[in-house]
Structures are given as C-alpha cells and as structure tokens.
Amino acid sequence: KGADEIAKQMHGLNIKSAEKIVSPIKTVIEPIDTQGTTHLSYMFPTLLVLIIMFVSIVLSAALVIREKTSNAFFRNFITPTNDLLFIIGNFLTNLLIVATQIVIILIVALILFKGAIIVNLHLTILALLLISTVFILLGMLIGYIFKSEETATLGAISIASIFLFFS
C-alpha cells in the first residue's frame, strides 16, 4: 500500500475538520446534584454506638463509685440484703438512663432521616440494648475495681478511648 492509496482513502472521507478527527465523540460531563443531601445517615449507627459506649462506661463507673463512697453504703453493707441485688439495681438504673438517651436520639433520628430507621426498629432496639448492656457491665467492673472517683473516671475514659481507637 503506497501513499497514493492512502491519499485516495483520505479523499473519500466526508470529515475534513481536524477537530472532528482528533475527538470524534463529544462528551459532556454534568455533576450530580448533591445539594441538600447529607451523609449523616451512613455515619449515624457508628456515632450512636460511640455515644452509647462513652456514656455507658463513664456513667456506670461513676455511679458505682458514688455508691461505694456514700454514707449509705455502710448501712446497705450491714443489712441482710444480698450484694447481687445492689449490683442488679445499679445495672437497671444505668440501663434506664442509657435507654432514655437512646429513645431520645432515635426520635430525633426518625425526624431527621424521615423514617429510614423504622424498617428494622425492633432489631435496632435489641442490638442497642445488648451493646448498652456490655458497656454498662464493663463500666460497673471498672467502678468496682477502683477505689476513688478520679481513678475510676480516668480508667473509664481510658478504656473508652482505647475502644474508640480500635473501632
């Protein structure tokens, strides 16, 4: 094939413009309208669990220490009541406080996310209560290990920070 054949083929082309030859396909890129949307709904479960973790650990450790250092502790200690009853009472108190906070956060989330959470609400509540239970028990353990409120708070915040780092 010589130069004459190539020249004949080029004269047979209908497109004579260099711009059409270099970019034969025109593309138009239009951005997707993301105005008014937020990615908070994707981060909401993680933020909710982190809130539950911090509140449960620190609150339960602080309440156990407050109970141990109060004047009523000695009166409770000398009564014939089982120690397990006090532990269960402390646990239920913490669970009630954390459950109230969870309900308030979920109500706000239902308003903001317009019902996206209602689909699996029963599973969500069950999972949140189980997560709360684990962190409350861990905070109570921290409270029973340490002697003063300052060290218990420092230990609870340290454990919660380690969990935050590894989450």
N, C-alpha and C. Protein backbone atom coordinates (compact mmCIF):
# COMPACT_ATOMS: atom_id res chain seq x y z
N LYS A 1 0.85 -1.16 0.00
CA LYS A 1 0.00 0.00 0.00
C LYS A 1 0.90 1.22 0.00
N GLY A 2 0.68 1.99 -0.96
CA GLY A 2 1.52 3.16 -1.08
C GLY A 2 0.81 4.41 -0.61
N ALA A 3 1.50 5.48 -0.81
CA ALA A 3 0.98 6.78 -0.40
C ALA A 3 -0.21 7.17 -1.24
N ASP A 4 -0.27 6.68 -2.50
CA ASP A 4 -1.40 7.02 -3.38
C ASP A 4 -2.69 6.41 -2.86
N GLU A 5 -2.61 5.17 -2.38
CA GLU A 5 -3.82 4.52 -1.85
C GLU A 5 -4.32 5.23 -0.59
N ILE A 6 -3.39 5.62 0.26
CA ILE A 6 -3.76 6.32 1.49
C ILE A 6 -4.38 7.66 1.14
N ALA A 7 -3.85 8.35 0.14
CA ALA A 7 -4.39 9.64 -0.28
C ALA A 7 -5.80 9.46 -0.84
N LYS A 8 -6.05 8.38 -1.60
CA LYS A 8 -7.38 8.12 -2.16
C LYS A 8 -8.38 7.86 -1.04
N GLN A 9 -7.95 7.09 -0.05
CA GLN A 9 -8.85 6.80 1.08
C GLN A 9 -9.15 8.06 1.88
N MET A 10 -8.17 8.95 1.99
CA MET A 10 -8.39 10.18 2.74
C MET A 10 -9.33 11.11 1.98
N HIS A 11 -9.25 11.13 0.65
CA HIS A 11 -10.16 11.99 -0.12
C HIS A 11 -11.58 11.46 -0.08
N GLY A 12 -11.72 10.15 0.20
CA GLY A 12 -13.05 9.56 0.28
C GLY A 12 -13.76 9.85 1.60
N LEU A 13 -13.05 10.36 2.58
CA LEU A 13 -13.66 10.67 3.87
C LEU A 13 -14.51 11.93 3.77
N ASN A 14 -15.66 11.90 4.47
CA ASN A 14 -16.54 13.06 4.47
C ASN A 14 -16.09 14.11 5.49
N ILE A 15 -15.38 13.68 6.52
CA ILE A 15 -14.97 14.59 7.58
C ILE A 15 -13.64 15.22 7.18
N LYS A 16 -13.61 16.52 7.07
CA LYS A 16 -12.40 17.21 6.67
C LYS A 16 -11.80 18.03 7.83
N SER A 17 -12.56 18.21 8.91
CA SER A 17 -12.11 19.05 10.02
C SER A 17 -11.17 18.25 10.93
N ALA A 18 -10.07 18.88 11.36
CA ALA A 18 -9.09 18.23 12.23
C ALA A 18 -9.67 17.97 13.62
N GLU A 19 -10.53 18.87 14.06
CA GLU A 19 -11.16 18.72 15.39
C GLU A 19 -12.03 17.48 15.44
N LYS A 20 -12.76 17.19 14.39
CA LYS A 20 -13.63 16.01 14.34
C LYS A 20 -12.81 14.74 14.28
N ILE A 21 -11.65 14.79 13.65
CA ILE A 21 -10.82 13.60 13.53
C ILE A 21 -10.14 13.30 14.87
N VAL A 22 -9.67 14.34 15.56
CA VAL A 22 -8.96 14.14 16.82
C VAL A 22 -9.92 13.69 17.92
N SER A 23 -11.09 14.31 18.05
CA SER A 23 -12.09 13.92 19.04
C SER A 23 -13.40 13.61 18.34
N PRO A 24 -13.56 12.38 17.91
CA PRO A 24 -14.77 12.05 17.15
C PRO A 24 -16.03 11.98 18.01
N ILE A 25 -15.86 11.73 19.31
CA ILE A 25 -17.03 11.61 20.19
C ILE A 25 -17.02 12.78 21.16
N LYS A 26 -18.08 13.52 21.19
CA LYS A 26 -18.21 14.64 22.13
C LYS A 26 -18.81 14.14 23.42
N THR A 27 -18.17 14.45 24.53
CA THR A 27 -18.69 14.07 25.85
C THR A 27 -18.95 15.32 26.66
N VAL A 28 -20.04 15.28 27.40
CA VAL A 28 -20.40 16.38 28.28
C VAL A 28 -20.50 15.80 29.69
N ILE A 29 -19.74 16.36 30.61
CA ILE A 29 -19.75 15.89 31.99
C ILE A 29 -20.58 16.86 32.82
N GLU A 30 -21.63 16.34 33.40
CA GLU A 30 -22.51 17.15 34.24
C GLU A 30 -22.46 16.59 35.66
N PRO A 31 -22.23 17.44 36.66
CA PRO A 31 -22.16 16.95 38.04
C PRO A 31 -23.54 16.54 38.55
N ILE A 32 -23.53 15.57 39.44
CA ILE A 32 -24.77 15.13 40.07
C ILE A 32 -25.12 16.15 41.13
N ASP A 33 -26.38 16.49 41.21
CA ASP A 33 -26.82 17.49 42.17
C ASP A 33 -26.82 16.87 43.57
N THR A 34 -25.85 17.22 44.37
CA THR A 34 -25.76 16.71 45.75
C THR A 34 -26.13 17.77 46.77
N GLN A 35 -26.65 18.87 46.29
CA GLN A 35 -27.02 19.92 47.21
C GLN A 35 -28.20 19.47 48.04
N GLY A 36 -28.11 19.70 49.35
CA GLY A 36 -29.22 19.34 50.22
C GLY A 36 -29.16 17.92 50.76
N THR A 37 -28.22 17.11 50.30
CA THR A 37 -28.11 15.76 50.84
C THR A 37 -26.96 15.71 51.83
N THR A 38 -27.06 14.78 52.74
CA THR A 38 -26.03 14.64 53.76
C THR A 38 -25.67 13.17 53.89
N HIS A 39 -24.48 12.92 54.36
CA HIS A 39 -24.01 11.55 54.56
C HIS A 39 -24.13 11.14 56.03
N LEU A 40 -24.85 11.90 56.80
CA LEU A 40 -25.02 11.60 58.21
C LEU A 40 -25.76 10.28 58.43
N SER A 41 -26.66 9.94 57.52
CA SER A 41 -27.39 8.68 57.68
C SER A 41 -26.48 7.46 57.58
N TYR A 42 -25.35 7.59 56.89
CA TYR A 42 -24.40 6.49 56.81
C TYR A 42 -23.55 6.39 58.07
N MET A 43 -23.27 7.53 58.68
CA MET A 43 -22.43 7.56 59.87
C MET A 43 -23.23 7.45 61.16
N PHE A 44 -24.55 7.56 61.09
CA PHE A 44 -25.38 7.59 62.28
C PHE A 44 -25.23 6.36 63.16
N PRO A 45 -25.25 5.13 62.64
CA PRO A 45 -25.09 3.96 63.52
C PRO A 45 -23.77 3.95 64.29
N THR A 46 -22.70 4.33 63.61
CA THR A 46 -21.40 4.37 64.27
C THR A 46 -21.38 5.43 65.37
N LEU A 47 -21.91 6.60 65.07
CA LEU A 47 -21.95 7.66 66.07
C LEU A 47 -22.83 7.28 67.25
N LEU A 48 -23.92 6.60 66.98
CA LEU A 48 -24.82 6.18 68.06
C LEU A 48 -24.14 5.17 68.98
N VAL A 49 -23.44 4.22 68.42
CA VAL A 49 -22.75 3.22 69.25
C VAL A 49 -21.62 3.88 70.04
N LEU A 50 -20.92 4.84 69.44
CA LEU A 50 -19.86 5.53 70.18
C LEU A 50 -20.43 6.34 71.34
N ILE A 51 -21.56 6.98 71.13
CA ILE A 51 -22.21 7.73 72.21
C ILE A 51 -22.62 6.77 73.33
N ILE A 52 -23.23 5.66 72.95
CA ILE A 52 -23.66 4.67 73.95
C ILE A 52 -22.44 4.13 74.71
N MET A 53 -21.36 3.87 74.00
CA MET A 53 -20.16 3.33 74.64
C MET A 53 -19.63 4.30 75.69
N PHE A 54 -19.41 5.55 75.30
CA PHE A 54 -18.85 6.51 76.25
C PHE A 54 -19.78 6.74 77.43
N VAL A 55 -21.05 6.97 77.16
CA VAL A 55 -22.00 7.26 78.24
C VAL A 55 -22.12 6.06 79.18
N SER A 56 -22.25 4.87 78.63
CA SER A 56 -22.44 3.68 79.45
C SER A 56 -21.24 3.41 80.35
N ILE A 57 -20.06 3.46 79.78
CA ILE A 57 -18.86 3.14 80.57
C ILE A 57 -18.63 4.18 81.66
N VAL A 58 -18.65 5.45 81.28
CA VAL A 58 -18.33 6.51 82.25
C VAL A 58 -19.43 6.64 83.29
N LEU A 59 -20.69 6.59 82.88
CA LEU A 59 -21.81 6.74 83.83
C LEU A 59 -21.85 5.59 84.82
N SER A 60 -21.72 4.36 84.33
CA SER A 60 -21.82 3.23 85.26
C SER A 60 -20.63 3.19 86.22
N ALA A 61 -19.45 3.54 85.76
CA ALA A 61 -18.30 3.59 86.66
C ALA A 61 -18.49 4.67 87.72
N ALA A 62 -18.98 5.82 87.31
CA ALA A 62 -19.19 6.92 88.26
C ALA A 62 -20.28 6.59 89.27
N LEU A 63 -21.36 5.95 88.83
CA LEU A 63 -22.43 5.61 89.78
C LEU A 63 -22.00 4.55 90.78
N VAL A 64 -21.19 3.60 90.34
CA VAL A 64 -20.70 2.58 91.28
C VAL A 64 -19.80 3.22 92.32
N ILE A 65 -18.92 4.11 91.88
CA ILE A 65 -18.02 4.78 92.84
C ILE A 65 -18.81 5.68 93.78
N ARG A 66 -19.81 6.38 93.26
CA ARG A 66 -20.63 7.22 94.14
C ARG A 66 -21.34 6.38 95.19
N GLU A 67 -21.80 5.21 94.78
CA GLU A 67 -22.46 4.33 95.75
C GLU A 67 -21.47 3.82 96.79
N LYS A 68 -20.27 3.45 96.35
CA LYS A 68 -19.26 2.93 97.29
C LYS A 68 -18.78 3.98 98.27
N THR A 69 -18.74 5.25 97.87
CA THR A 69 -18.22 6.30 98.75
C THR A 69 -19.32 7.03 99.53
N SER A 70 -20.57 6.66 99.33
CA SER A 70 -21.65 7.35 100.05
C SER A 70 -21.78 6.80 101.48
N ASN A 71 -22.45 7.59 102.30
CA ASN A 71 -22.67 7.16 103.69
C ASN A 71 -23.65 5.99 103.77
N ALA A 72 -24.51 5.87 102.80
CA ALA A 72 -25.49 4.80 102.82
C ALA A 72 -24.88 3.43 102.49
N PHE A 73 -23.67 3.43 101.97
CA PHE A 73 -23.04 2.16 101.60
C PHE A 73 -22.82 1.28 102.82
N PHE A 74 -22.37 1.86 103.92
CA PHE A 74 -22.15 1.08 105.13
C PHE A 74 -23.47 0.53 105.67
N ARG A 75 -24.53 1.35 105.64
CA ARG A 75 -25.85 0.88 106.10
C ARG A 75 -26.34 -0.26 105.21
N ASN A 76 -26.13 -0.13 103.91
CA ASN A 76 -26.52 -1.21 103.00
C ASN A 76 -25.66 -2.45 103.20
N PHE A 77 -24.40 -2.24 103.57
CA PHE A 77 -23.48 -3.35 103.75
C PHE A 77 -23.86 -4.22 104.94
N ILE A 78 -24.38 -3.60 106.00
CA ILE A 78 -24.69 -4.38 107.20
C ILE A 78 -26.11 -4.97 107.18
N THR A 79 -26.89 -4.66 106.17
CA THR A 79 -28.22 -5.25 106.06
C THR A 79 -28.10 -6.68 105.54
N PRO A 80 -29.11 -7.50 105.77
CA PRO A 80 -29.04 -8.89 105.29
C PRO A 80 -29.37 -9.03 103.80
N THR A 81 -29.33 -7.93 103.06
CA THR A 81 -29.64 -7.96 101.62
C THR A 81 -28.45 -8.51 100.85
N ASN A 82 -28.74 -9.31 99.85
CA ASN A 82 -27.70 -9.90 99.02
C ASN A 82 -27.01 -8.81 98.19
N ASP A 83 -25.69 -8.92 98.00
CA ASP A 83 -24.94 -7.94 97.21
C ASP A 83 -25.37 -7.94 95.74
N LEU A 84 -25.84 -9.08 95.27
CA LEU A 84 -26.29 -9.18 93.89
C LEU A 84 -27.48 -8.25 93.62
N LEU A 85 -28.31 -8.05 94.63
CA LEU A 85 -29.45 -7.14 94.48
C LEU A 85 -28.99 -5.71 94.24
N PHE A 86 -27.94 -5.27 94.90
CA PHE A 86 -27.41 -3.93 94.69
C PHE A 86 -26.77 -3.80 93.30
N ILE A 87 -26.11 -4.86 92.87
CA ILE A 87 -25.50 -4.85 91.53
C ILE A 87 -26.58 -4.78 90.47
N ILE A 88 -27.64 -5.57 90.62
CA ILE A 88 -28.74 -5.55 89.65
C ILE A 88 -29.44 -4.20 89.66
N GLY A 89 -29.63 -3.63 90.84
CA GLY A 89 -30.25 -2.30 90.93
C GLY A 89 -29.41 -1.23 90.25
N ASN A 90 -28.10 -1.29 90.45
CA ASN A 90 -27.21 -0.35 89.79
C ASN A 90 -27.24 -0.54 88.27
N PHE A 91 -27.23 -1.79 87.83
CA PHE A 91 -27.30 -2.08 86.40
C PHE A 91 -28.59 -1.56 85.79
N LEU A 92 -29.72 -1.81 86.45
CA LEU A 92 -31.01 -1.36 85.91
C LEU A 92 -31.11 0.16 85.88
N THR A 93 -30.53 0.82 86.88
CA THR A 93 -30.50 2.28 86.88
C THR A 93 -29.74 2.81 85.68
N ASN A 94 -28.55 2.24 85.45
CA ASN A 94 -27.75 2.66 84.29
C ASN A 94 -28.46 2.35 82.99
N LEU A 95 -29.07 1.18 82.90
CA LEU A 95 -29.76 0.79 81.67
C LEU A 95 -30.94 1.70 81.40
N LEU A 96 -31.65 2.09 82.44
CA LEU A 96 -32.80 3.00 82.27
C LEU A 96 -32.33 4.37 81.76
N ILE A 97 -31.25 4.88 82.30
CA ILE A 97 -30.72 6.18 81.86
C ILE A 97 -30.25 6.10 80.41
N VAL A 98 -29.50 5.07 80.07
CA VAL A 98 -28.99 4.93 78.71
C VAL A 98 -30.13 4.66 77.73
N ALA A 99 -31.13 3.86 78.14
CA ALA A 99 -32.28 3.60 77.27
C ALA A 99 -33.06 4.87 77.00
N THR A 100 -33.19 5.73 77.99
CA THR A 100 -33.86 7.01 77.78
C THR A 100 -33.10 7.86 76.77
N GLN A 101 -31.79 7.88 76.88
CA GLN A 101 -30.99 8.62 75.91
C GLN A 101 -31.11 8.03 74.51
N ILE A 102 -31.14 6.71 74.41
CA ILE A 102 -31.28 6.06 73.11
C ILE A 102 -32.63 6.42 72.49
N VAL A 103 -33.68 6.40 73.28
CA VAL A 103 -35.01 6.74 72.76
C VAL A 103 -35.04 8.17 72.25
N ILE A 104 -34.44 9.09 72.98
CA ILE A 104 -34.41 10.49 72.55
C ILE A 104 -33.62 10.62 71.24
N ILE A 105 -32.48 9.96 71.16
CA ILE A 105 -31.67 10.03 69.94
C ILE A 105 -32.41 9.40 68.76
N LEU A 106 -33.10 8.28 68.98
CA LEU A 106 -33.85 7.64 67.89
C LEU A 106 -35.03 8.49 67.44
N ILE A 107 -35.68 9.18 68.36
CA ILE A 107 -36.78 10.08 67.96
C ILE A 107 -36.26 11.21 67.09
N VAL A 108 -35.14 11.79 67.48
CA VAL A 108 -34.53 12.84 66.66
C VAL A 108 -34.12 12.27 65.30
N ALA A 109 -33.57 11.06 65.28
CA ALA A 109 -33.16 10.43 64.02
C ALA A 109 -34.36 10.14 63.13
N LEU A 110 -35.47 9.72 63.72
CA LEU A 110 -36.67 9.48 62.92
C LEU A 110 -37.16 10.76 62.26
N ILE A 111 -37.05 11.86 62.97
CA ILE A 111 -37.47 13.14 62.41
C ILE A 111 -36.51 13.58 61.31
N LEU A 112 -35.22 13.46 61.55
CA LEU A 112 -34.23 13.92 60.58
C LEU A 112 -34.14 13.02 59.35
N PHE A 113 -34.18 11.71 59.53
CA PHE A 113 -34.00 10.79 58.42
C PHE A 113 -35.31 10.36 57.79
N LYS A 114 -36.41 10.90 58.25
CA LYS A 114 -37.73 10.68 57.66
C LYS A 114 -38.11 9.21 57.54
N GLY A 115 -37.96 8.49 58.63
CA GLY A 115 -38.47 7.13 58.69
C GLY A 115 -37.56 6.05 58.15
N ALA A 116 -36.32 6.34 57.86
CA ALA A 116 -35.43 5.31 57.32
C ALA A 116 -35.05 4.28 58.38
N ILE A 117 -35.24 4.60 59.65
CA ILE A 117 -34.86 3.69 60.73
C ILE A 117 -36.01 2.77 61.11
N ILE A 118 -37.22 3.13 60.76
CA ILE A 118 -38.40 2.36 61.17
C ILE A 118 -38.41 0.96 60.58
N VAL A 119 -37.73 0.76 59.47
CA VAL A 119 -37.76 -0.53 58.79
C VAL A 119 -37.35 -1.67 59.71
N ASN A 120 -36.27 -1.50 60.43
CA ASN A 120 -35.76 -2.55 61.34
C ASN A 120 -35.69 -2.04 62.77
N LEU A 121 -36.71 -1.37 63.22
CA LEU A 121 -36.66 -0.73 64.53
C LEU A 121 -36.53 -1.75 65.66
N HIS A 122 -37.24 -2.87 65.58
CA HIS A 122 -37.16 -3.87 66.65
C HIS A 122 -35.77 -4.49 66.75
N LEU A 123 -35.12 -4.74 65.61
CA LEU A 123 -33.76 -5.27 65.64
C LEU A 123 -32.76 -4.21 66.11
N THR A 124 -33.01 -2.97 65.73
CA THR A 124 -32.14 -1.87 66.15
C THR A 124 -32.18 -1.71 67.66
N ILE A 125 -33.37 -1.71 68.23
CA ILE A 125 -33.51 -1.55 69.68
C ILE A 125 -32.88 -2.72 70.42
N LEU A 126 -33.09 -3.92 69.92
CA LEU A 126 -32.48 -5.10 70.56
C LEU A 126 -30.95 -5.01 70.52
N ALA A 127 -30.40 -4.65 69.38
CA ALA A 127 -28.94 -4.54 69.27
C ALA A 127 -28.41 -3.44 70.18
N LEU A 128 -29.11 -2.31 70.24
CA LEU A 128 -28.65 -1.21 71.09
C LEU A 128 -28.71 -1.57 72.57
N LEU A 129 -29.71 -2.32 72.97
CA LEU A 129 -29.79 -2.75 74.36
C LEU A 129 -28.69 -3.75 74.71
N LEU A 130 -28.38 -4.63 73.79
CA LEU A 130 -27.28 -5.58 74.03
C LEU A 130 -25.93 -4.85 74.11
N ILE A 131 -25.73 -3.89 73.21
CA ILE A 131 -24.49 -3.10 73.24
C ILE A 131 -24.40 -2.31 74.54
N SER A 132 -25.52 -1.72 74.94
CA SER A 132 -25.55 -0.96 76.19
C SER A 132 -25.23 -1.85 77.38
N THR A 133 -25.79 -3.05 77.37
CA THR A 133 -25.56 -3.99 78.48
C THR A 133 -24.08 -4.31 78.62
N VAL A 134 -23.42 -4.58 77.51
CA VAL A 134 -21.99 -4.92 77.56
C VAL A 134 -21.18 -3.76 78.13
N PHE A 135 -21.44 -2.56 77.63
CA PHE A 135 -20.65 -1.41 78.08
C PHE A 135 -20.99 -1.00 79.51
N ILE A 136 -22.24 -1.16 79.92
CA ILE A 136 -22.61 -0.86 81.30
C ILE A 136 -21.91 -1.83 82.26
N LEU A 137 -21.91 -3.11 81.92
CA LEU A 137 -21.24 -4.09 82.78
C LEU A 137 -19.74 -3.82 82.85
N LEU A 138 -19.15 -3.41 81.74
CA LEU A 138 -17.73 -3.07 81.74
C LEU A 138 -17.47 -1.85 82.63
N GLY A 139 -18.32 -0.84 82.53
CA GLY A 139 -18.17 0.34 83.38
C GLY A 139 -18.37 0.01 84.85
N MET A 140 -19.31 -0.87 85.16
CA MET A 140 -19.51 -1.28 86.55
C MET A 140 -18.29 -2.03 87.06
N LEU A 141 -17.70 -2.87 86.23
CA LEU A 141 -16.48 -3.57 86.62
C LEU A 141 -15.36 -2.59 86.92
N ILE A 142 -15.23 -1.58 86.08
CA ILE A 142 -14.21 -0.55 86.33
C ILE A 142 -14.50 0.16 87.65
N GLY A 143 -15.77 0.46 87.91
CA GLY A 143 -16.14 1.13 89.16
C GLY A 143 -15.84 0.28 90.38
N TYR A 144 -16.04 -1.03 90.28
CA TYR A 144 -15.76 -1.90 91.42
C TYR A 144 -14.27 -2.15 91.60
N ILE A 145 -13.48 -2.01 90.54
CA ILE A 145 -12.04 -2.23 90.65
C ILE A 145 -11.35 -1.07 91.34
N PHE A 146 -11.70 0.17 90.98
CA PHE A 146 -11.00 1.35 91.51
C PHE A 146 -11.63 1.82 92.81
N LYS A 147 -10.83 2.55 93.59
CA LYS A 147 -11.27 2.99 94.91
C LYS A 147 -11.82 4.41 94.91
N SER A 148 -11.24 5.31 94.11
CA SER A 148 -11.69 6.71 94.13
C SER A 148 -12.40 7.07 92.83
N GLU A 149 -13.15 8.15 92.90
CA GLU A 149 -13.92 8.58 91.73
C GLU A 149 -13.00 9.06 90.61
N GLU A 150 -11.91 9.70 90.97
CA GLU A 150 -10.99 10.23 89.96
C GLU A 150 -10.34 9.10 89.17
N THR A 151 -9.86 8.08 89.87
CA THR A 151 -9.20 6.98 89.16
C THR A 151 -10.20 6.17 88.35
N ALA A 152 -11.41 6.03 88.85
CA ALA A 152 -12.43 5.29 88.10
C ALA A 152 -12.81 6.04 86.83
N THR A 153 -12.94 7.37 86.95
CA THR A 153 -13.27 8.16 85.76
C THR A 153 -12.13 8.12 84.76
N LEU A 154 -10.90 8.23 85.25
CA LEU A 154 -9.75 8.14 84.37
C LEU A 154 -9.66 6.77 83.70
N GLY A 155 -9.90 5.71 84.47
CA GLY A 155 -9.90 4.36 83.89
C GLY A 155 -11.01 4.17 82.88
N ALA A 156 -12.21 4.70 83.16
CA ALA A 156 -13.34 4.55 82.24
C ALA A 156 -13.08 5.31 80.94
N ILE A 157 -12.56 6.52 81.05
CA ILE A 157 -12.26 7.30 79.84
C ILE A 157 -11.13 6.65 79.05
N SER A 158 -10.16 6.07 79.75
CA SER A 158 -9.05 5.41 79.06
C SER A 158 -9.54 4.18 78.30
N ILE A 159 -10.36 3.36 78.94
CA ILE A 159 -10.90 2.17 78.27
C ILE A 159 -11.77 2.57 77.09
N ALA A 160 -12.61 3.58 77.27
CA ALA A 160 -13.47 4.05 76.18
C ALA A 160 -12.64 4.62 75.04
N SER A 161 -11.56 5.30 75.35
CA SER A 161 -10.68 5.84 74.30
C SER A 161 -9.96 4.72 73.55
N ILE A 162 -9.56 3.69 74.26
CA ILE A 162 -8.94 2.54 73.59
C ILE A 162 -9.95 1.86 72.66
N PHE A 163 -11.19 1.70 73.13
CA PHE A 163 -12.22 1.12 72.26
C PHE A 163 -12.49 2.01 71.07
N LEU A 164 -12.47 3.32 71.26
CA LEU A 164 -12.67 4.26 70.15
C LEU A 164 -11.54 4.14 69.15
N PHE A 165 -10.32 3.99 69.64
CA PHE A 165 -9.17 3.87 68.75
C PHE A 165 -9.25 2.60 67.90
N PHE A 166 -9.72 1.51 68.48
CA PHE A 166 -9.79 0.25 67.75
C PHE A 166 -11.10 0.05 67.00
N SER A 167 -12.03 0.98 67.11
CA SER A 167 -13.31 0.81 66.40
C SER A 167 -13.22 1.19 64.95
